[in-house]
C-alpha cells in the first residue's frame, strides 16, 4: 500500500489542497446547524458530519477534504478544549511546509 500524507494546513493553504484530505487545528468561532466556522489563521467553513461534537470557543482538530469553494467536508473532528496553543499549531504547519522533504506529500 502506498503511503498517503494528510498534511497539516491553515486557511492560507486551502487553495493548494482542493480535493485532498488535510488536517486543520483551529478555534471554533461559530456553530450553525451542520456547519462550523473555524479560525485557523483565517476563517474556514467546515461542513460537519453527524459524529462531530464541537463547542464554540474550544479548539478543534479536523480531518477533512477541501472543497472547490475552499470549505472543508469533515471526515473526523476532535474537540481539543480550551487549552490549545494556536501559535504552536500554526508553527507546526509552517515548518512542515518549509521542510517538505521530511514529510510525505502526494
Protein backbone atom coordinates (compact mmCIF):
# COMPACT_ATOMS: atom_id res chain seq x y z
CA UNK A 1 0.00 0.00 0.00
CA UNK A 2 1.30 3.44 -0.93
CA UNK A 3 1.80 5.96 1.88
CA UNK A 4 -0.50 8.95 1.59
CA UNK A 5 0.04 12.07 3.65
CA UNK A 6 -2.63 14.17 5.26
CA UNK A 7 -0.81 17.50 5.57
CA UNK A 8 -1.49 19.99 8.33
CA UNK A 9 -2.67 23.31 6.91
CA UNK A 10 -4.11 26.66 7.85
CA UNK A 11 -6.53 28.84 5.90
CA UNK A 12 -3.70 30.22 3.75
CA UNK A 13 -3.00 26.78 2.24
CA UNK A 14 -6.57 25.81 1.28
CA UNK A 15 -6.08 26.73 -2.42
CA UNK A 16 -3.20 24.26 -2.73
CA UNK A 17 -5.18 21.28 -1.40
CA UNK A 18 -8.55 21.35 -3.20
CA UNK A 19 -9.82 17.77 -3.49
CA UNK A 20 -7.31 16.45 -0.94
CA UNK A 21 -7.55 15.42 2.68
CA UNK A 22 -5.95 17.73 5.24
CA UNK A 23 -5.62 18.25 9.00
CA UNK A 24 -6.63 21.63 10.45
CA UNK A 25 -6.27 22.82 14.04
CA UNK A 26 -8.20 25.96 14.93
CA UNK A 27 -10.69 27.63 17.22
CA UNK A 28 -14.41 27.05 16.75
CA UNK A 29 -15.80 30.55 16.28
CA UNK A 30 -19.40 29.69 15.47
CA UNK A 31 -21.69 26.69 15.04
CA UNK A 32 -24.57 26.97 12.54
CA UNK A 33 -26.50 23.72 12.26
CA UNK A 34 -24.27 21.32 10.34
CA UNK A 35 -21.57 23.93 9.72
CA UNK A 36 -18.83 25.37 11.88
CA UNK A 37 -16.69 28.44 11.36
CA UNK A 38 -13.12 27.59 12.35
CA UNK A 39 -10.35 30.16 12.84
CA UNK A 40 -7.15 28.54 11.61
CA UNK A 41 -5.09 31.66 10.89
CA UNK A 42 -8.13 32.76 8.85
CA UNK A 43 -11.75 31.59 8.78
CA UNK A 44 -12.69 28.22 7.30
CA UNK A 45 -16.22 26.87 6.86
CA UNK A 46 -16.40 23.23 7.93
CA UNK A 47 -19.32 21.01 6.88
CA UNK A 48 -19.71 18.72 9.89
CA UNK A 49 -20.67 15.06 9.92
CA UNK A 50 -23.05 13.55 12.46
CA UNK A 51 -20.20 12.35 14.68
CA UNK A 52 -18.72 15.83 15.10
CA UNK A 53 -19.37 17.23 18.57
CA UNK A 54 -17.63 20.60 18.73
CA UNK A 55 -18.20 23.51 21.11
CA UNK A 56 -17.95 27.19 20.22
CA UNK A 57 -14.87 28.72 21.83
CA UNK A 58 -12.98 25.45 22.02
CA UNK A 59 -10.14 24.28 19.85
CA UNK A 60 -10.73 21.55 17.30
CA UNK A 61 -8.71 19.24 15.10
CA UNK A 62 -10.45 18.50 11.83
CA UNK A 63 -9.54 15.93 9.22
CA UNK A 64 -11.41 16.62 6.04
CA UNK A 65 -11.46 17.11 2.30
CA UNK A 66 -11.06 20.59 0.82
CA UNK A 67 -13.96 21.52 -1.47
CA UNK A 68 -13.60 23.70 -4.61
CA UNK A 69 -15.25 26.60 -2.70
CA UNK A 70 -12.45 26.25 -0.08
CA UNK A 71 -14.78 24.93 2.59
CA UNK A 72 -13.91 21.59 4.20
CA UNK A 73 -16.08 18.47 4.35
CA UNK A 74 -15.29 17.00 7.77
CA UNK A 75 -14.41 13.31 7.91
CA UNK A 76 -13.33 13.38 11.55
CA UNK A 77 -13.45 16.08 14.24
CA UNK A 78 -11.93 16.18 17.70
CA UNK A 79 -12.76 18.78 20.35
CA UNK A 80 -9.47 19.92 21.91
CA UNK A 81 -10.92 22.00 24.73
CA UNK A 82 -9.77 25.47 25.72
CA UNK A 83 -6.04 24.99 26.33
CA UNK A 84 -4.88 24.98 22.72
CA UNK A 85 -1.66 26.78 21.75
CA UNK A 86 -2.70 28.07 18.32
CA UNK A 87 0.67 29.72 17.71
CA UNK A 88 2.34 26.34 18.14
CA UNK A 89 -0.18 24.66 15.84
CA UNK A 90 0.50 27.30 13.17
CA UNK A 91 4.26 26.90 13.61
CA UNK A 92 3.95 23.14 13.03
CA UNK A 93 2.10 23.89 9.77
CA UNK A 94 4.78 26.34 8.61
CA UNK A 95 7.68 24.01 9.50
CA UNK A 96 6.05 21.08 7.71
CA UNK A 97 5.66 23.18 4.56
CA UNK A 98 9.18 24.65 4.75
CA UNK A 99 10.73 21.20 5.15
CA UNK A 100 8.54 19.18 2.81
CA UNK A 101 11.28 16.60 2.25
CA UNK A 102 10.78 15.41 5.84
CA UNK A 103 7.11 14.73 5.22
CA UNK A 104 5.24 12.64 2.64
CA UNK A 105 3.20 14.82 0.29
CA UNK A 106 1.30 13.46 -2.70
